[in-house]
C-alpha atoms as a PDB file:
ATOM      1  CA  MET A   1     -14.346 -22.266   4.006  1.00  0.00           C
ATOM      2  CA  ALA A   2     -10.748 -22.139   2.847  1.00  0.00           C
ATOM      3  CA  ASN A   3      -7.977 -21.437   5.292  1.00  0.00           C
ATOM      4  CA  VAL A   4      -5.709 -18.434   5.141  1.00  0.00           C
ATOM      5  CA  THR A   5      -2.668 -19.320   3.032  1.00  0.00           C
ATOM      6  CA  VAL A   6      -0.088 -21.219   5.088  1.00  0.00           C
ATOM      7  CA  LEU A   7       3.348 -19.778   4.368  1.00  0.00           C
ATOM      8  CA  GLY A   8       6.722 -21.455   4.810  1.00  0.00           C
ATOM      9  CA  GLY A   9       9.004 -20.380   7.657  1.00  0.00           C
ATOM     10  CA  ALA A  10      11.080 -17.909   5.646  1.00  0.00           C
ATOM     11  CA  SER A  11       7.966 -16.483   4.026  1.00  0.00           C
ATOM     12  CA  ARG A  12       6.239 -15.979   7.386  1.00  0.00           C
ATOM     13  CA  GLN A  13       9.170 -13.850   8.526  1.00  0.00           C
ATOM     14  CA  ALA A  14       9.226 -11.980   5.223  1.00  0.00           C
ATOM     15  CA  LEU A  15       5.494 -11.300   5.392  1.00  0.00           C
ATOM     16  CA  ALA A  16       5.838  -9.966   8.935  1.00  0.00           C
ATOM     17  CA  SER A  17       8.629  -7.641   7.771  1.00  0.00           C
ATOM     18  CA  ILE A  18       6.821  -6.345   4.721  1.00  0.00           C
ATOM     19  CA  ARG A  19       3.646  -5.751   6.726  1.00  0.00           C
ATOM     20  CA  VAL A  20       5.611  -3.520   9.101  1.00  0.00           C
ATOM     21  CA  GLU A  21       6.826  -1.526   6.089  1.00  0.00           C
ATOM     22  CA  PHE A  22       3.310  -1.516   4.669  1.00  0.00           C
ATOM     23  CA  ALA A  23       1.869  -0.168   7.934  1.00  0.00           C
ATOM     24  CA  LYS A  24       4.414   2.667   8.056  1.00  0.00           C
ATOM     25  CA  LEU A  25       3.735   3.687   4.460  1.00  0.00           C
ATOM     26  CA  THR A  26      -0.052   3.493   4.649  1.00  0.00           C
ATOM     27  CA  SER A  27      -0.928   4.676   8.157  1.00  0.00           C
ATOM     28  CA  LYS A  28      -1.853   8.180   6.997  1.00  0.00           C
ATOM     29  CA  LEU A  29      -3.235   7.470   3.532  1.00  0.00           C
ATOM     30  CA  SER A  30      -6.637   8.857   2.623  1.00  0.00           C
ATOM     31  CA  ALA A  31      -9.399   6.525   1.499  1.00  0.00           C
ATOM     32  CA  ASP A  32      -8.750   7.490  -2.134  1.00  0.00           C
ATOM     33  CA  ALA A  33      -4.988   6.940  -1.855  1.00  0.00           C
ATOM     34  CA  ALA A  34      -5.440   3.565  -0.139  1.00  0.00           C
ATOM     35  CA  GLU A  35      -7.927   2.535  -2.821  1.00  0.00           C
ATOM     36  CA  GLN A  36      -5.411   3.467  -5.531  1.00  0.00           C
ATOM     37  CA  LEU A  37      -2.697   1.535  -3.706  1.00  0.00           C
ATOM     38  CA  SER A  38      -4.923  -1.533  -3.683  1.00  0.00           C
ATOM     39  CA  ASN A  39      -5.490  -1.241  -7.426  1.00  0.00           C
ATOM     40  CA  ASP A  40      -1.749  -0.797  -7.963  1.00  0.00           C
ATOM     41  CA  LEU A  41      -0.855  -3.897  -5.949  1.00  0.00           C
ATOM     42  CA  PHE A  42      -3.485  -5.967  -7.732  1.00  0.00           C
ATOM     43  CA  LEU A  43      -1.941  -4.865 -11.040  1.00  0.00           C
ATOM     44  CA  VAL A  44       1.437  -6.112  -9.792  1.00  0.00           C
ATOM     45  CA  LEU A  45      -0.184  -9.346  -8.637  1.00  0.00           C
ATOM     46  CA  ARG A  46      -1.657 -10.003 -12.081  1.00  0.00           C
ATOM     47  CA  THR A  47       1.760  -9.426 -13.641  1.00  0.00           C
ATOM     48  CA  LEU A  48       3.435 -11.771 -11.171  1.00  0.00           C
ATOM     49  CA  THR A  49       0.765 -14.406 -11.737  1.00  0.00           C
ATOM     50  CA  SER A  50       1.285 -14.288 -15.490  1.00  0.00           C
ATOM     51  CA  SER A  51       5.074 -14.764 -15.297  1.00  0.00           C
ATOM     52  CA  ILE A  52       6.861 -17.430 -13.267  1.00  0.00           C
ATOM     53  CA  ALA A  53      10.130 -16.015 -14.644  1.00  0.00           C
ATOM     54  CA  LEU A  54       9.376 -12.656 -13.015  1.00  0.00           C
ATOM     55  CA  ARG A  55       8.402 -14.286  -9.716  1.00  0.00           C
ATOM     56  CA  ARG A  56      11.670 -16.191  -9.728  1.00  0.00           C
ATOM     57  CA  ALA A  57      13.725 -13.128 -10.662  1.00  0.00           C
ATOM     58  CA  LEU A  58      12.265 -11.096  -7.796  1.00  0.00           C
ATOM     59  CA  THR A  59      12.758 -13.869  -5.230  1.00  0.00           C
ATOM     60  CA  ASP A  60      16.173 -15.123  -6.370  1.00  0.00           C
ATOM     61  CA  ASN A  61      18.288 -14.954  -3.196  1.00  0.00           C
ATOM     62  CA  SER A  62      21.504 -14.841  -5.230  1.00  0.00           C
ATOM     63  CA  ARG A  63      20.412 -11.653  -6.962  1.00  0.00           C
ATOM     64  CA  GLU A  64      21.403  -8.295  -5.462  1.00  0.00           C
ATOM     65  CA  SER A  65      18.650  -6.221  -3.832  1.00  0.00           C
ATOM     66  CA  LYS A  66      19.419  -3.235  -6.054  1.00  0.00           C
ATOM     67  CA  ALA A  67      18.971  -5.327  -9.173  1.00  0.00           C
ATOM     68  CA  LYS A  68      15.558  -6.426  -7.918  1.00  0.00           C
ATOM     69  CA  SER A  69      14.562  -2.854  -7.062  1.00  0.00           C
ATOM     70  CA  ASP A  70      15.679  -1.683 -10.486  1.00  0.00           C
ATOM     71  CA  LEU A  71      13.635  -4.435 -12.130  1.00  0.00           C
ATOM     72  CA  VAL A  72      10.524  -3.408 -10.185  1.00  0.00           C
ATOM     73  CA  ALA A  73      11.046   0.236 -11.161  1.00  0.00           C
ATOM     74  CA  ASP A  74      11.645  -0.617 -14.820  1.00  0.00           C
ATOM     75  CA  LEU A  75       8.464  -2.679 -15.012  1.00  0.00           C
ATOM     76  CA  PHE A  76       6.038  -0.620 -12.952  1.00  0.00           C
ATOM     77  CA  ALA A  77       7.264   2.964 -12.437  1.00  0.00           C
ATOM     78  CA  LYS A  78       4.977   4.358 -15.147  1.00  0.00           C
ATOM     79  CA  GLN A  79       1.958   2.357 -13.985  1.00  0.00           C
ATOM     80  CA  ILE A  80       1.777   2.489 -10.191  1.00  0.00           C
ATOM     81  CA  SER A  81       2.429   4.895  -7.319  1.00  0.00           C
ATOM     82  CA  GLU A  82       5.746   5.395  -5.548  1.00  0.00           C
ATOM     83  CA  THR A  83       4.234   3.851  -2.422  1.00  0.00           C
ATOM     84  CA  ALA A  84       3.351   0.705  -4.342  1.00  0.00           C
ATOM     85  CA  ILE A  85       6.824   0.598  -5.924  1.00  0.00           C
ATOM     86  CA  THR A  86       8.423   0.826  -2.466  1.00  0.00           C
ATOM     87  CA  ILE A  87       6.247  -1.982  -1.070  1.00  0.00           C
ATOM     88  CA  VAL A  88       6.863  -4.322  -4.011  1.00  0.00           C
ATOM     89  CA  ALA A  89      10.613  -3.620  -4.067  1.00  0.00           C
ATOM     90  CA  SER A  90      10.886  -4.018  -0.288  1.00  0.00           C
ATOM     91  CA  GLY A  91       9.196  -7.388  -0.546  1.00  0.00           C
ATOM     92  CA  ALA A  92      11.539  -8.499  -3.307  1.00  0.00           C
ATOM     93  CA  LYS A  93      14.562  -7.854  -1.071  1.00  0.00           C
ATOM     94  CA  LEU A  94      13.313 -10.373   1.501  1.00  0.00           C
ATOM     95  CA  ARG A  95      13.790 -14.142   1.573  1.00  0.00           C
ATOM     96  CA  TRP A  96      10.734 -16.176   0.491  1.00  0.00           C
ATOM     97  CA  SER A  97      10.248 -19.932   0.749  1.00  0.00           C
ATOM     98  CA  THR A  98       8.851 -20.053  -2.805  1.00  0.00           C
ATOM     99  CA  PRO A  99       8.262 -17.474  -5.561  1.00  0.00           C
ATOM    100  CA  ASN A 100       4.510 -18.054  -5.284  1.00  0.00           C
ATOM    101  CA  GLU A 101       4.512 -17.026  -1.632  1.00  0.00           C
ATOM    102  CA  TYR A 102       5.881 -13.613  -2.572  1.00  0.00           C
ATOM    103  CA  ALA A 103       2.826 -13.253  -4.835  1.00  0.00           C
ATOM    104  CA  ASP A 104       0.612 -14.453  -1.962  1.00  0.00           C
ATOM    105  CA  ALA A 105       1.997 -11.638   0.182  1.00  0.00           C
ATOM    106  CA  ILE A 106       1.348  -9.003  -2.497  1.00  0.00           C
ATOM    107  CA  GLU A 107      -2.211 -10.298  -2.749  1.00  0.00           C
ATOM    108  CA  GLN A 108      -2.729 -10.008   1.001  1.00  0.00           C
ATOM    109  CA  LEU A 109      -1.382  -6.444   1.055  1.00  0.00           C
ATOM    110  CA  ALA A 110      -3.606  -5.488  -1.893  1.00  0.00           C
ATOM    111  CA  VAL A 111      -6.663  -6.704  -0.001  1.00  0.00           C
ATOM    112  CA  GLU A 112      -5.524  -4.965   3.170  1.00  0.00           C
ATOM    113  CA  ALA A 113      -5.064  -1.702   1.254  1.00  0.00           C
ATOM    114  CA  ALA A 114      -8.674  -1.959   0.064  1.00  0.00           C
ATOM    115  CA  ALA A 115      -9.738  -2.701   3.636  1.00  0.00           C
ATOM    116  CA  ASN A 116      -7.799   0.361   4.839  1.00  0.00           C
ATOM    117  CA  ALA A 117      -9.591   2.481   2.247  1.00  0.00           C
ATOM    118  CA  ALA A 118     -12.948   1.182   3.427  1.00  0.00           C
ATOM    119  CA  ALA A 119     -11.981   1.779   7.063  1.00  0.00           C
ATOM    120  CA  ALA A 120     -10.972   5.365   6.316  1.00  0.00           C
ATOM    121  CA  ASP A 121     -14.414   5.825   4.748  1.00  0.00           C
ATOM    122  CA  GLY A 122     -16.204   4.169   7.674  1.00  0.00           C
ATOM    123  CA  LYS A 123     -17.310   1.188   5.561  1.00  0.00           C
ATOM    124  CA  LEU A 124     -15.048  -1.677   6.605  1.00  0.00           C
ATOM    125  CA  ALA A 125     -17.731  -3.667   8.437  1.00  0.00           C
ATOM    126  CA  GLU A 126     -20.032  -3.173   5.454  1.00  0.00           C
ATOM    127  CA  VAL A 127     -17.400  -4.588   3.101  1.00  0.00           C
ATOM    128  CA  SER A 128     -17.031  -7.703   5.228  1.00  0.00           C
ATOM    129  CA  GLU A 129     -20.794  -8.232   5.274  1.00  0.00           C
ATOM    130  CA  GLN A 130     -21.085  -7.659   1.533  1.00  0.00           C
ATOM    131  CA  LEU A 131     -18.352 -10.166   0.705  1.00  0.00           C
ATOM    132  CA  PHE A 132     -20.277 -12.759   2.687  1.00  0.00           C
ATOM    133  CA  ASP A 133     -23.490 -11.733   0.949  1.00  0.00           C
ATOM    134  CA  PHE A 134     -21.915 -12.311  -2.468  1.00  0.00           C
ATOM    135  CA  ALA A 135     -20.731 -15.739  -1.332  1.00  0.00           C
ATOM    136  CA  GLN A 136     -24.390 -16.547  -0.677  1.00  0.00           C
ATOM    137  CA  VAL A 137     -25.314 -15.197  -4.124  1.00  0.00           C
ATOM    138  CA  LEU A 138     -22.889 -17.693  -5.656  1.00  0.00           C
ATOM    139  CA  ILE A 139     -24.388 -20.549  -3.664  1.00  0.00           C
ATOM    140  CA  ALA A 140     -27.884 -19.585  -4.798  1.00  0.00           C
ATOM    141  CA  ASN A 141     -26.824 -19.190  -8.446  1.00  0.00           C
ATOM    142  CA  PRO A 142     -24.690 -22.163  -9.524  1.00  0.00           C
ATOM    143  CA  GLU A 143     -24.672 -21.075 -13.185  1.00  0.00           C
ATOM    144  CA  LEU A 144     -23.203 -17.694 -12.228  1.00  0.00           C
ATOM    145  CA  ARG A 145     -20.644 -19.425 -10.027  1.00  0.00           C
ATOM    146  CA  GLN A 146     -19.689 -21.822 -12.817  1.00  0.00           C
ATOM    147  CA  THR A 147     -19.253 -19.042 -15.365  1.00  0.00           C
ATOM    148  CA  LEU A 148     -17.139 -16.888 -13.035  1.00  0.00           C
ATOM    149  CA  ASN A 149     -15.032 -19.970 -12.289  1.00  0.00           C
ATOM    150  CA  SER A 150     -14.572 -21.043 -15.877  1.00  0.00           C
ATOM    151  CA  SER A 151     -11.099 -20.736 -17.334  1.00  0.00           C
ATOM    152  CA  ASN A 152     -12.719 -21.026 -20.756  1.00  0.00           C
ATOM    153  CA  GLU A 153     -14.330 -17.611 -20.321  1.00  0.00           C
ATOM    154  CA  GLU A 154     -12.134 -14.608 -21.102  1.00  0.00           C
ATOM    155  CA  ILE A 155     -11.387 -12.474 -18.056  1.00  0.00           C
ATOM    156  CA  ASN A 156     -13.105  -9.416 -19.568  1.00  0.00           C
ATOM    157  CA  ARG A 157     -16.299 -11.395 -20.114  1.00  0.00           C
ATOM    158  CA  ARG A 158     -16.226 -12.654 -16.541  1.00  0.00           C
ATOM    159  CA  VAL A 159     -15.632  -9.146 -15.212  1.00  0.00           C
ATOM    160  CA  ASN A 160     -18.472  -7.741 -17.313  1.00  0.00           C
ATOM    161  CA  LEU A 161     -20.810 -10.452 -16.042  1.00  0.00           C
ATOM    162  CA  LEU A 162     -19.790  -9.795 -12.449  1.00  0.00           C
ATOM    163  CA  ASN A 163     -20.353  -6.057 -12.766  1.00  0.00           C
ATOM    164  CA  SER A 164     -23.739  -6.570 -14.374  1.00  0.00           C
ATOM    165  CA  VAL A 165     -24.740  -8.527 -11.262  1.00  0.00           C
ATOM    166  CA  ILE A 166     -23.272  -6.259  -8.547  1.00  0.00           C
ATOM    167  CA  LYS A 167     -23.849  -2.826 -10.112  1.00  0.00           C
ATOM    168  CA  GLY A 168     -25.534  -0.579  -7.546  1.00  0.00           C
ATOM    169  CA  VAL A 169     -25.672  -3.370  -4.960  1.00  0.00           C
ATOM    170  CA  TYR A 170     -22.402  -2.997  -3.048  1.00  0.00           C
ATOM    171  CA  ASN A 171     -20.061  -0.134  -2.169  1.00  0.00           C
ATOM    172  CA  LYS A 172     -17.041   0.670  -4.313  1.00  0.00           C
ATOM    173  CA  TYR A 173     -14.546  -1.089  -2.018  1.00  0.00           C
ATOM    174  CA  THR A 174     -16.486  -4.341  -2.158  1.00  0.00           C
ATOM    175  CA  ASN A 175     -16.732  -3.961  -5.937  1.00  0.00           C
ATOM    176  CA  LEU A 176     -12.965  -3.477  -6.130  1.00  0.00           C
ATOM    177  CA  LEU A 177     -12.364  -6.676  -4.173  1.00  0.00           C
ATOM    178  CA  LEU A 178     -14.931  -8.727  -6.090  1.00  0.00           C
ATOM    179  CA  ASN A 179     -13.386  -7.649  -9.393  1.00  0.00           C
ATOM    180  CA  ALA A 180      -9.999  -8.644  -7.980  1.00  0.00           C
ATOM    181  CA  VAL A 181     -11.389 -12.031  -6.941  1.00  0.00           C
ATOM    182  CA  VAL A 182     -12.554 -12.746 -10.494  1.00  0.00           C
ATOM    183  CA  THR A 183      -9.293 -11.592 -12.089  1.00  0.00           C
ATOM    184  CA  ASN A 184      -6.963 -13.235  -9.559  1.00  0.00           C
ATOM    185  CA  LEU A 185      -8.180 -16.792  -9.072  1.00  0.00           C
ATOM    186  CA  ARG A 186      -4.585 -18.002  -9.399  1.00  0.00           C
ATOM    187  CA  GLY A 187      -5.517 -21.654  -9.736  1.00  0.00           C
ATOM    188  CA  ARG A 188      -8.177 -21.535  -7.024  1.00  0.00           C
ATOM    189  CA  ASN A 189     -11.939 -21.626  -7.425  1.00  0.00           C
ATOM    190  CA  ILE A 190     -13.955 -18.491  -6.819  1.00  0.00           C
ATOM    191  CA  ASP A 191     -15.287 -19.726  -3.475  1.00  0.00           C
ATOM    192  CA  SER A 192     -11.872 -20.254  -1.907  1.00  0.00           C
ATOM    193  CA  THR A 193     -10.529 -16.994  -3.369  1.00  0.00           C
ATOM    194  CA  LEU A 194     -13.495 -15.051  -2.009  1.00  0.00           C
ATOM    195  CA  SER A 195     -13.102 -16.761   1.369  1.00  0.00           C
ATOM    196  CA  GLN A 196      -9.399 -15.875   1.419  1.00  0.00           C
ATOM    197  CA  PHE A 197     -10.122 -12.228   0.679  1.00  0.00           C
ATOM    198  CA  GLY A 198     -12.816 -12.199   3.358  1.00  0.00           C
ATOM    199  CA  LYS A 199     -10.356 -13.486   5.932  1.00  0.00           C
ATOM    200  CA  TYR A 200      -7.814 -10.828   5.009  1.00  0.00           C
ATOM    201  CA  VAL A 201     -10.497  -8.165   5.462  1.00  0.00           C
ATOM    202  CA  SER A 202     -11.477  -9.734   8.771  1.00  0.00           C
ATOM    203  CA  GLN A 203      -7.845  -9.598   9.908  1.00  0.00           C
ATOM    204  CA  SER A 204      -7.873  -5.875   9.133  1.00  0.00           C
ATOM    205  CA  GLU A 205     -10.868  -5.562  11.438  1.00  0.00           C
ATOM    206  CA  SER A 206      -9.038  -7.581  14.118  1.00  0.00           C
ATOM    207  CA  LYS A 207     -12.003  -9.934  14.038  1.00  0.00           C
ATOM    208  CA  VAL A 208     -12.375 -13.671  13.702  1.00  0.00           C
ATOM    209  CA  ILE A 209     -14.981 -14.962  11.270  1.00  0.00           C
ATOM    210  CA  ALA A 210     -17.248 -17.674  12.667  1.00  0.00           C
ATOM    211  CA  GLN A 211     -19.306 -19.645  10.157  1.00  0.00           C
ATOM    212  CA  VAL A 212     -22.598 -20.632  11.812  1.00  0.00           C
ATOM    213  CA  THR A 213     -25.106 -23.106  10.409  1.00  0.00           C
ATOM    214  CA  SER A 214     -28.599 -23.223  11.888  1.00  0.00           C
ATOM    215  CA  ALA A 215     -31.785 -25.087  10.999  1.00  0.00           C
ATOM    216  CA  VAL A 216     -33.796 -21.860  11.404  1.00  0.00           C
ATOM    217  CA  LYS A 217     -33.148 -18.162  10.962  1.00  0.00           C
ATOM    218  CA  LEU A 218     -31.612 -16.618  14.076  1.00  0.00           C
ATOM    219  CA  SER A 219     -32.940 -13.382  15.500  1.00  0.00           C
ATOM    220  CA  ALA A 220     -30.677 -10.354  15.917  1.00  0.00           C
ATOM    221  CA  THR A 221     -30.746 -10.920  19.687  1.00  0.00           C
ATOM    222  CA  GLN A 222     -29.677 -14.556  19.312  1.00  0.00           C
ATOM    223  CA  ILE A 223     -26.857 -13.587  16.941  1.00  0.00           C
ATOM    224  CA  ASP A 224     -25.600 -10.923  19.378  1.00  0.00           C
ATOM    225  CA  LYS A 225     -25.681 -13.350  22.314  1.00  0.00           C
ATOM    226  CA  LEU A 226     -23.804 -16.023  20.358  1.00  0.00           C
ATOM    227  CA  ALA A 227     -21.191 -13.527  19.126  1.00  0.00           C
ATOM    228  CA  ASN A 228     -20.634 -12.194  22.649  1.00  0.00           C
ATOM    229  CA  SER A 229     -20.325 -15.712  24.067  1.00  0.00           C
ATOM    230  CA  LEU A 230     -17.779 -16.803  21.449  1.00  0.00           C
ATOM    231  CA  SER A 231     -15.871 -13.547  21.791  1.00  0.00           C
ATOM    232  CA  LYS A 232     -15.452 -14.113  25.533  1.00  0.00           C
ATOM    233  CA  GLN A 233     -14.204 -17.658  24.916  1.00  0.00           C
ATOM    234  CA  ILE A 234     -11.471 -16.760  22.429  1.00  0.00           C
ATOM    235  CA  GLY A 235     -10.675 -13.213  23.550  1.00  0.00           C
ATOM    236  CA  LYS A 236     -11.249 -11.620  20.130  1.00  0.00           C
ATOM    237  CA  LYS A 237     -14.051  -9.854  18.337  1.00  0.00           C
ATOM    238  CA  ILE A 238     -16.269 -12.183  16.370  1.00  0.00           C
ATOM    239  CA  GLN A 239     -18.103 -11.698  13.097  1.00  0.00           C
ATOM    240  CA  LEU A 240     -20.846 -14.266  12.585  1.00  0.00           C
ATOM    241  CA  ASN A 241     -21.717 -15.401   9.075  1.00  0.00           C
ATOM    242  CA  VAL A 242     -24.973 -17.325   9.483  1.00  0.00           C
ATOM    243  CA  ASP A 243     -26.273 -19.911   7.018  1.00  0.00           C
ATOM    244  CA  VAL A 244     -29.722 -21.467   7.327  1.00  0.00           C
ATOM    245  CA  ASP A 245     -29.819 -25.178   6.445  1.00  0.00           C
ATOM    246  CA  PRO A 246     -32.991 -27.133   7.364  1.00  0.00           C
ATOM    247  CA  LYS A 247     -31.090 -30.396   6.855  1.00  0.00           C
ATOM    248  CA  VAL A 248     -29.286 -29.953  10.194  1.00  0.00           C
ATOM    249  CA  LEU A 249     -32.746 -30.432  11.845  1.00  0.00           C
ATOM    250  CA  GLY A 250     -31.952 -28.389  14.956  1.00  0.00           C
ATOM    251  CA  GLY A 251     -29.151 -26.887  17.025  1.00  0.00           C
ATOM    252  CA  LEU A 252     -26.108 -25.053  15.686  1.00  0.00           C
ATOM    253  CA  SER A 253     -22.715 -25.764  14.200  1.00  0.00           C
ATOM    254  CA  VAL A 254     -19.969 -23.159  14.524  1.00  0.00           C
ATOM    255  CA  ARG A 255     -16.691 -23.214  12.580  1.00  0.00           C
ATOM    256  CA  LEU A 256     -13.805 -21.043  13.797  1.00  0.00           C
ATOM    257  CA  ASP A 257     -10.981 -21.475  11.287  1.00  0.00           C
ATOM    258  CA  ASP A 258     -10.111 -25.202  11.621  1.00  0.00           C
ATOM    259  CA  GLU A 259     -12.198 -25.849  14.743  1.00  0.00           C
ATOM    260  CA  LEU A 260     -15.758 -27.161  14.330  1.00  0.00           C
ATOM    261  CA  ILE A 261     -18.247 -27.083  17.190  1.00  0.00           C
ATOM    262  CA  ASP A 262     -21.137 -29.196  15.921  1.00  0.00           C
ATOM    263  CA  GLY A 263     -24.201 -29.222  18.165  1.00  0.00           C
ATOM    264  CA  THR A 264     -26.732 -29.970  15.442  1.00  0.00           C
ATOM    265  CA  VAL A 265     -29.350 -32.667  15.769  1.00  0.00           C
ATOM    266  CA  SER A 266     -28.160 -34.288  12.544  1.00  0.00           C
ATOM    267  CA  ALA A 267     -24.625 -34.582  13.949  1.00  0.00           C
ATOM    268  CA  ARG A 268     -25.926 -36.154  17.170  1.00  0.00           C
ATOM    269  CA  LEU A 269     -28.027 -38.620  15.153  1.00  0.00           C
ATOM    270  CA  GLN A 270     -24.993 -39.553  13.065  1.00  0.00           C
ATOM    271  CA  GLU A 271     -22.961 -40.125  16.229  1.00  0.00           C
ATOM    272  CA  ALA A 272     -25.758 -42.252  17.714  1.00  0.00           C
ATOM    273  CA  GLY A 273     -25.870 -44.270  14.491  1.00  0.00           C
ATOM    274  CA  ARG A 274     -22.126 -44.899  14.690  1.00  0.00           C
ATOM    275  CA  MET A 275     -22.455 -46.021  18.308  1.00  0.00           C
ATOM    276  CA  LEU A 276     -25.318 -48.391  17.471  1.00  0.00           C
ATOM    277  CA  SER A 277     -23.461 -49.881  14.534  1.00  0.00           C
ATOM    278  CA  GLY A 278     -20.631 -50.784  16.903  1.00  0.00           C
ATOM    279  CA  ILE A 279     -22.873 -52.741  19.262  1.00  0.00           C
END
């Protein structure tokens, strides 16, 4: 699984500042308004992605804040809400390590707005589960994954293919995010983009995603016990995404961000092989 984007020092401070502004502006939004905000921010993200000149203009530290705000208004006032305009302009006033990291921040806020909409509708946990489910769909269907990844396919064709697959399967917030994944790869593959979005949603839930691999399917009781045990160890809520892989032979491996706890039989056999080869 891909890691959450690592931002430079200036960008980390800028992201923290813009998220405070974002929280103030969105704390009382309805599900519909938060959903619209997410769509608005994704529209801005696509525009930023398509123009390095615009990214540079909005993150040029020598440029006055008013000039940046005016540029945002000129470009987007007729297309997006006032709330979205305020968020984008506020971000442009801050200092970013690179122009791309400003776009990264807009992407994160767009995902968080969708997560807020889902939360207001009581469907946030469902969205997180459905994003993981679609990741498994991609694994099981390499041709679908390849087509959705292909830069040779026009975006509209990729979106149409995606919607033909997910129609009636997931809720509207998951559909919004999956469409955004396909239209905002930004040089990444679909797996890492989907993983990134999933982590942003998880952050909105104040949960940590643990990727578990087991040789056999775990029961609901086993999953609950494992989640509770991990939660006590790290002091945060845990969401388990469980993969079944017979090749691990037995035991479990658990990945928490960059930390891997590998207790599988295959891992122990590999370690024993390395020890024997050194004798």
